Protein backbone atom coordinates (compact mmCIF):
# COMPACT_ATOMS: atom_id res chain seq x y z
CA MET A 1 -28.64 -0.74 23.04
CA ASP A 2 -29.15 2.95 22.31
CA THR A 3 -30.54 4.29 18.99
CA THR A 4 -27.77 5.65 17.44
CA ALA A 5 -25.57 2.36 18.20
CA ALA A 6 -28.36 0.14 16.92
CA ARG A 7 -28.57 2.02 13.51
CA LEU A 8 -24.80 1.91 13.07
CA LYS A 9 -24.84 -1.85 13.71
CA ARG A 10 -27.77 -2.18 11.21
CA LEU A 11 -26.19 0.03 8.44
CA SER A 12 -22.82 -1.86 8.99
CA ARG A 13 -24.75 -5.04 8.36
CA ASP A 14 -26.48 -3.93 5.26
CA ARG A 15 -23.10 -2.80 3.65
CA SER A 16 -21.80 -6.35 4.15
CA ARG A 17 -24.99 -7.98 2.55
CA SER A 18 -23.45 -8.88 -0.86
CA ARG A 19 -20.63 -10.87 0.96
CA ASP A 20 -22.92 -12.46 3.02
CA VAL A 21 -25.16 -13.80 0.25
CA VAL A 22 -22.49 -15.91 -1.15
CA GLY A 23 -20.88 -16.83 2.23
CA CYS A 24 -17.65 -14.74 1.35
CA GLU A 25 -15.85 -12.90 4.15
CA CYS A 26 -13.14 -11.42 2.15
CA ARG A 27 -12.42 -7.54 2.63
CA GLY A 28 -11.38 -4.87 0.15
CA SER A 29 -9.19 -6.07 -2.58
CA ARG A 30 -7.22 -8.65 -0.75
CA ILE A 31 -7.04 -10.79 -3.73
CA PRO A 32 -5.33 -13.89 -2.04
CA GLN A 33 -7.82 -14.07 0.59
CA PHE A 34 -10.69 -13.36 -1.93
CA LEU A 35 -9.74 -16.24 -4.23
CA GLN A 36 -9.36 -18.66 -0.91
CA CYS A 37 -13.03 -17.62 -0.35
CA ILE A 38 -14.10 -18.41 -3.59
CA ASP A 39 -12.38 -21.74 -3.53
CA LYS A 40 -14.09 -22.54 -0.59
CA LEU A 41 -17.38 -21.86 -1.86
CA ARG A 42 -16.59 -24.01 -4.75
CA ARG A 43 -15.62 -27.08 -2.78
CA ARG A 44 -18.61 -26.50 -0.50
CA PHE A 45 -21.09 -26.54 -3.29
CA VAL A 46 -19.50 -29.51 -4.95
CA GLY A 47 -19.40 -31.37 -1.70
CA SER A 48 -23.24 -30.70 -0.95
CA LEU A 49 -24.51 -31.24 -4.31
CA GLY A 50 -22.62 -34.38 -5.14
CA LYS A 51 -25.00 -36.62 -3.03
CA ARG A 52 -28.01 -35.88 -5.14
CA PHE A 53 -26.81 -34.82 -8.86
CA SER A 54 -24.85 -36.41 -11.37
CA PRO A 55 -20.97 -35.19 -11.79
CA ASN A 56 -21.84 -32.94 -14.74
CA ALA A 57 -24.84 -31.18 -13.09
CA VAL A 58 -22.56 -30.72 -10.06
CA ARG A 59 -19.93 -29.22 -12.17
CA HIS A 60 -22.38 -26.77 -14.13
CA HIS A 61 -24.08 -25.63 -10.72
CA ALA A 62 -21.01 -25.23 -8.95
CA ARG A 63 -19.33 -23.17 -11.55
CA TYR A 64 -22.62 -20.82 -11.79
CA ARG A 65 -22.76 -20.53 -8.36
CA TRP A 66 -18.80 -19.59 -8.21
CA GLU A 67 -18.90 -17.23 -11.24
CA ARG A 68 -21.95 -15.45 -9.32
CA ALA A 69 -20.14 -15.20 -6.18
CA ILE A 70 -17.23 -13.47 -8.00
CA THR A 71 -19.79 -10.97 -9.67
CA LEU A 72 -21.55 -9.86 -6.61
CA THR A 73 -18.18 -9.42 -4.77
CA THR A 74 -16.28 -7.61 -7.40
CA HIS A 75 -19.24 -5.59 -8.52
CA THR A 76 -20.14 -4.01 -5.17
CA THR A 77 -19.18 -0.28 -5.21
CA ARG A 78 -17.41 0.87 -2.09
CA ARG A 79 -17.73 4.47 -0.71
CA ALA A 80 -14.97 6.62 0.49
CA LEU A 81 -15.00 9.97 2.18
CA VAL A 82 -11.95 11.97 1.90
CA VAL A 83 -11.99 14.68 4.79
CA ARG A 84 -9.47 17.33 4.35
CA GLY A 85 -8.54 20.70 5.65
CA GLY A 86 -6.86 22.48 8.86
CA TRP A 87 -3.26 23.78 8.35
CA ASP A 88 -2.71 24.66 4.81
CA GLY A 89 1.09 23.73 5.39
CA HIS A 90 0.46 20.36 4.87
CA GLN A 91 -1.23 20.89 1.55
CA PRO A 92 -4.32 18.54 2.26
CA VAL A 93 -6.11 19.29 -1.05
CA ALA A 94 -3.38 18.96 -3.42
CA ILE A 95 -1.89 15.60 -1.46
CA SER A 96 -5.32 14.10 -1.05
CA ASP A 97 -6.27 14.78 -4.66
CA GLY A 98 -3.40 12.68 -5.74
CA PHE A 99 -4.98 9.38 -4.38
CA VAL A 100 -8.68 10.24 -5.57
CA PRO A 101 -7.95 8.62 -8.81
CA PHE A 102 -6.30 5.62 -7.09
CA LEU A 103 -9.46 4.94 -5.13
CA LYS A 104 -11.77 5.50 -8.16
CA ASP A 105 -9.70 3.11 -10.21
CA ARG A 106 -10.32 0.67 -7.40
CA GLY A 107 -14.21 0.87 -7.50
CA PHE A 108 -14.70 3.38 -4.85
CA ALA A 109 -17.23 6.36 -5.12
CA VAL A 110 -15.36 9.17 -3.66
CA GLU A 111 -16.59 12.27 -1.85
CA THR A 112 -14.58 15.00 -0.66
CA PHE A 113 -15.26 17.38 2.38
CA GLU A 114 -13.52 20.29 3.71
CA ASP A 115 -15.46 20.74 6.70
CA LEU A 116 -15.65 18.60 9.74
CA VAL A 117 -19.53 18.82 9.93
CA VAL A 118 -19.63 15.42 7.92
CA TYR A 119 -18.64 13.79 11.34
CA GLU A 120 -21.83 14.64 12.51
CA ASP A 121 -23.75 12.56 10.31
CA ALA A 122 -23.48 9.04 11.86
CA GLU A 123 -25.63 7.35 9.20
CA ARG A 124 -23.31 8.58 6.63
CA LEU A 125 -20.03 7.60 8.37
CA ALA A 126 -21.63 4.08 9.04
CA ALA A 127 -22.40 3.66 5.36
CA THR A 128 -18.80 4.54 4.24
CA ASP A 129 -16.33 1.73 3.73
CA LEU A 130 -13.20 4.07 3.85
CA ILE A 131 -12.64 7.58 5.66
CA VAL A 132 -9.32 9.02 4.33
CA GLN A 133 -8.65 11.75 6.72
CA CYS A 134 -6.19 14.61 5.84
CA TRP A 135 -6.67 17.31 8.62
CA THR A 136 -3.99 19.01 10.68
CA SER A 137 -4.43 21.29 13.76
CA GLY A 138 -8.23 21.18 13.90
CA THR A 139 -10.72 21.25 16.56
CA ILE A 140 -13.34 18.32 16.76
CA THR A 141 -16.36 18.35 18.71
CA HIS A 142 -17.27 15.49 21.18
CA GLN A 143 -20.09 14.38 18.89
CA GLN A 144 -17.94 14.45 15.89
CA SER A 145 -15.25 12.22 17.58
CA VAL A 146 -17.99 9.86 19.18
CA ASN A 147 -19.51 9.48 15.83
CA LEU A 148 -16.20 8.82 14.03
CA ALA A 149 -15.04 6.26 16.61
CA ALA A 150 -18.50 4.50 16.52
CA ALA A 151 -18.38 4.11 12.68
CA VAL A 152 -14.82 2.85 12.66
CA ARG A 153 -15.86 0.44 15.63
CA ALA A 154 -18.88 -0.76 13.36
CA GLY A 155 -16.62 -1.42 10.50
CA THR A 156 -15.68 1.58 8.43
CA GLY A 157 -12.08 2.02 7.74
CA LEU A 158 -9.94 4.99 8.70
CA ALA A 159 -6.65 5.89 6.93
CA GLY A 160 -4.15 8.81 6.57
CA TRP A 161 -0.85 10.11 6.67
CA HIS A 162 1.45 12.35 8.48
CA GLY A 163 0.00 15.28 10.47
CA GLY A 164 -3.21 14.65 8.59
CA ILE A 165 -4.18 11.89 11.08
CA VAL A 166 -1.58 11.99 13.94
CA ASP A 167 -1.57 15.91 14.41
CA SER A 168 -5.23 16.20 13.78
CA PHE A 169 -7.05 17.21 17.20
CA LEU A 170 -6.32 17.66 20.79
CA ASP A 171 -9.03 14.68 21.79
CA HIS A 172 -8.24 11.83 23.82
CA ASP A 173 -10.70 9.59 22.30
CA TYR A 174 -9.45 10.24 18.83
CA HIS A 175 -5.79 9.39 20.04
CA LEU A 176 -7.13 6.15 21.21
CA LEU A 177 -8.87 5.64 17.87
CA THR A 178 -5.48 6.21 15.58
CA GLY A 179 -3.13 4.71 18.18
CA GLY A 180 -0.40 7.72 18.22
CA ARG A 181 -0.02 11.29 18.73
CA PHE A 182 2.56 13.59 17.03
CA VAL A 183 4.90 15.20 19.65
CA MET A 184 7.48 16.99 17.77
CA HIS A 185 9.90 17.09 14.72
CA PRO A 186 13.42 18.31 14.42
CA PRO A 187 13.43 21.82 12.66
CA GLU A 188 14.67 20.88 9.17
CA PHE A 189 13.82 18.09 6.68
CA LEU A 190 16.24 15.17 7.10
CA ASP A 191 17.47 12.31 5.33
CA TYR A 192 16.61 9.18 7.27
CA THR A 193 15.94 5.58 6.52
CA VAL A 194 12.64 3.73 7.00
CA HIS A 195 13.25 0.17 8.28
CA LEU A 196 10.41 -2.43 7.29
CA LEU A 197 10.02 -4.98 10.06
CA PRO A 198 11.31 -8.50 8.99
CA GLU A 199 8.71 -10.20 11.04
CA GLN A 200 5.77 -8.23 9.16
CA ALA A 201 7.50 -9.04 5.83
CA GLU A 202 3.88 -10.87 4.64
CA HIS A 203 1.82 -8.10 5.95
CA PRO A 204 -0.05 -6.97 2.68
CA VAL A 205 0.73 -2.96 3.28
CA ILE A 206 4.49 -3.77 3.03
CA ALA A 207 4.92 -7.29 1.32
CA GLY A 208 7.62 -7.34 -1.38
CA LEU A 209 9.07 -3.84 -0.38
CA GLN A 210 12.52 -3.06 1.24
CA ASP A 211 13.77 -0.28 3.55
CA PHE A 212 13.95 2.95 1.77
CA ASP A 213 15.31 6.49 2.26
CA VAL A 214 13.20 9.73 2.36
CA HIS A 215 14.15 13.51 3.08
CA THR A 216 11.24 14.94 5.06
CA GLU A 217 10.06 15.68 8.19
CA GLN A 218 10.71 13.00 10.87
CA TYR A 219 8.02 12.43 13.46
CA TRP A 220 8.60 11.82 17.20
CA MET A 221 5.38 9.92 18.23
CA LEU A 222 3.51 8.74 21.25
CA THR A 223 1.95 5.24 20.48
CA ASP A 224 -0.34 2.88 21.80
CA PRO A 225 1.35 -0.43 22.62
CA HIS A 226 -1.65 -2.32 21.13
CA ILE A 227 -0.74 -0.93 17.11
CA GLU A 228 0.82 -3.29 14.73
CA VAL A 229 3.88 -1.58 13.69
CA LEU A 230 4.97 -2.21 10.17
CA ALA A 231 7.92 0.36 9.60
CA THR A 232 10.31 2.31 12.15
CA CYS A 233 12.74 5.06 11.65
CA THR A 234 15.57 5.97 14.22
CA PHE A 235 16.38 9.12 15.86
CA PRO A 236 20.15 9.36 16.69
CA PRO A 237 21.75 10.44 20.09
CA ASP A 238 21.54 14.27 20.67
CA GLU A 239 21.81 16.70 23.69
CA GLN A 240 18.95 15.15 25.25
CA ARG A 241 19.20 11.53 24.43
CA ASP A 242 22.16 9.55 25.14
CA ARG A 243 21.14 6.73 22.76
CA PRO A 244 19.33 6.14 19.40
CA SER A 245 15.56 6.25 19.64
CA VAL A 246 13.56 3.64 17.46
CA MET A 247 10.33 5.26 16.63
CA PRO A 248 7.11 3.78 14.87
CA ALA A 249 6.64 5.29 11.47
CA VAL A 250 3.82 3.13 9.91
CA TRP A 251 1.37 1.23 11.64
CA THR A 252 -2.16 -0.52 11.23
CA ARG A 253 -4.74 -1.30 14.24
CA SER A 254 -7.94 -2.88 14.79
CA TRP A 255 -10.85 -0.93 16.43
CA GLY A 256 -13.83 -2.90 16.84
CA ALA A 257 -14.91 -4.60 13.31
CA GLY A 258 -12.76 -1.59 11.95
CA ARG A 259 -9.44 -0.99 10.65
CA VAL A 260 -6.91 1.76 10.96
CA PHE A 261 -3.94 2.82 8.74
CA VAL A 262 -1.28 5.50 9.67
CA SER A 263 1.79 6.40 8.13
CA THR A 264 3.89 9.40 9.59
CA ILE A 265 5.39 10.07 6.07
CA GLY A 266 4.03 12.55 3.66
CA HIS A 267 4.57 16.23 4.65
CA LYS A 268 4.86 17.41 1.08
CA PRO A 269 3.54 16.13 -2.19
CA ASP A 270 7.11 15.01 -3.32
CA ASP A 271 7.36 12.57 -0.42
CA PHE A 272 4.98 10.33 -2.38
CA ASP A 273 7.33 10.32 -5.34
CA VAL A 274 9.34 7.63 -3.55
CA PRO A 275 7.81 4.60 -4.93
CA GLU A 276 7.67 2.66 -1.39
CA VAL A 277 5.72 5.65 0.19
CA ARG A 278 3.23 5.72 -2.77
CA THR A 279 2.98 1.85 -2.61
CA LEU A 280 2.52 1.35 1.10
CA THR A 281 0.04 4.51 1.38
CA GLU A 282 -1.88 3.08 -1.42
CA ARG A 283 -2.18 -0.41 0.09
CA GLY A 284 -2.75 1.04 3.25
CA LEU A 285 -6.04 2.51 2.19
CA LEU A 286 -7.22 -0.33 0.57
CA TRP A 287 -6.15 -2.62 3.75
CA ALA A 288 -8.22 -0.21 5.87
CA SER A 289 -11.19 -0.18 3.81
CA ARG A 290 -14.41 -2.21 4.76
């Protein structure tokens, strides 16, 4: 194993130490899974101690270990990098600033960067739990692309919306990482419906939400068959196409030990005034995070 890969693996393992010490494998703020982990710990401690101690001693010790597990898991500060720039038409600073308070409220230490040079720091990327990218029509170097993909493969989450993640760079490795590439959109803003897939109704990003309407750009995408599509939109027939075309609009994917969240919605700040758009984007950030 080369030195860079070994360092990434080691740093990723170090970031998970607080979970490993209590035997809990829950990620991010997935509360139901977290509670299941804690209950599993409680039952494990009770079962192992019951053979040697009185019921009261077992109860007190199990409660102590259980509460310690909660403390260790919920008080670990996660790190988020917001990487923004490129074409100003997508208002990368204004829109990404709208999510910084949300991340801080969820316990993230947030750093913002307006230069892709941050992708040259492999150790920083590996020590980060979530990268929020909002960068349209940029140029990424080969090493920056390699470092980003390696960090995600080792467990760092990657998330973004609209052109800030699917129209970022002309780089094949990057397209494989995100699972999709923007091709075109009709010339005007359109009214269209975003359909949530019924078979994904329990996915934490869209659970409890219903189909919703937006007035914004509609993206035509080329996508990887291995993405997990959560929502779609439909292009009607036109002079080039003789039938409707169903297009992925929101998806997730796994990349090694990491997770990627993509939404094609978010050309302008008021797109996030639609409650469903705001909710699924916030949930997507948390879902992708280590």
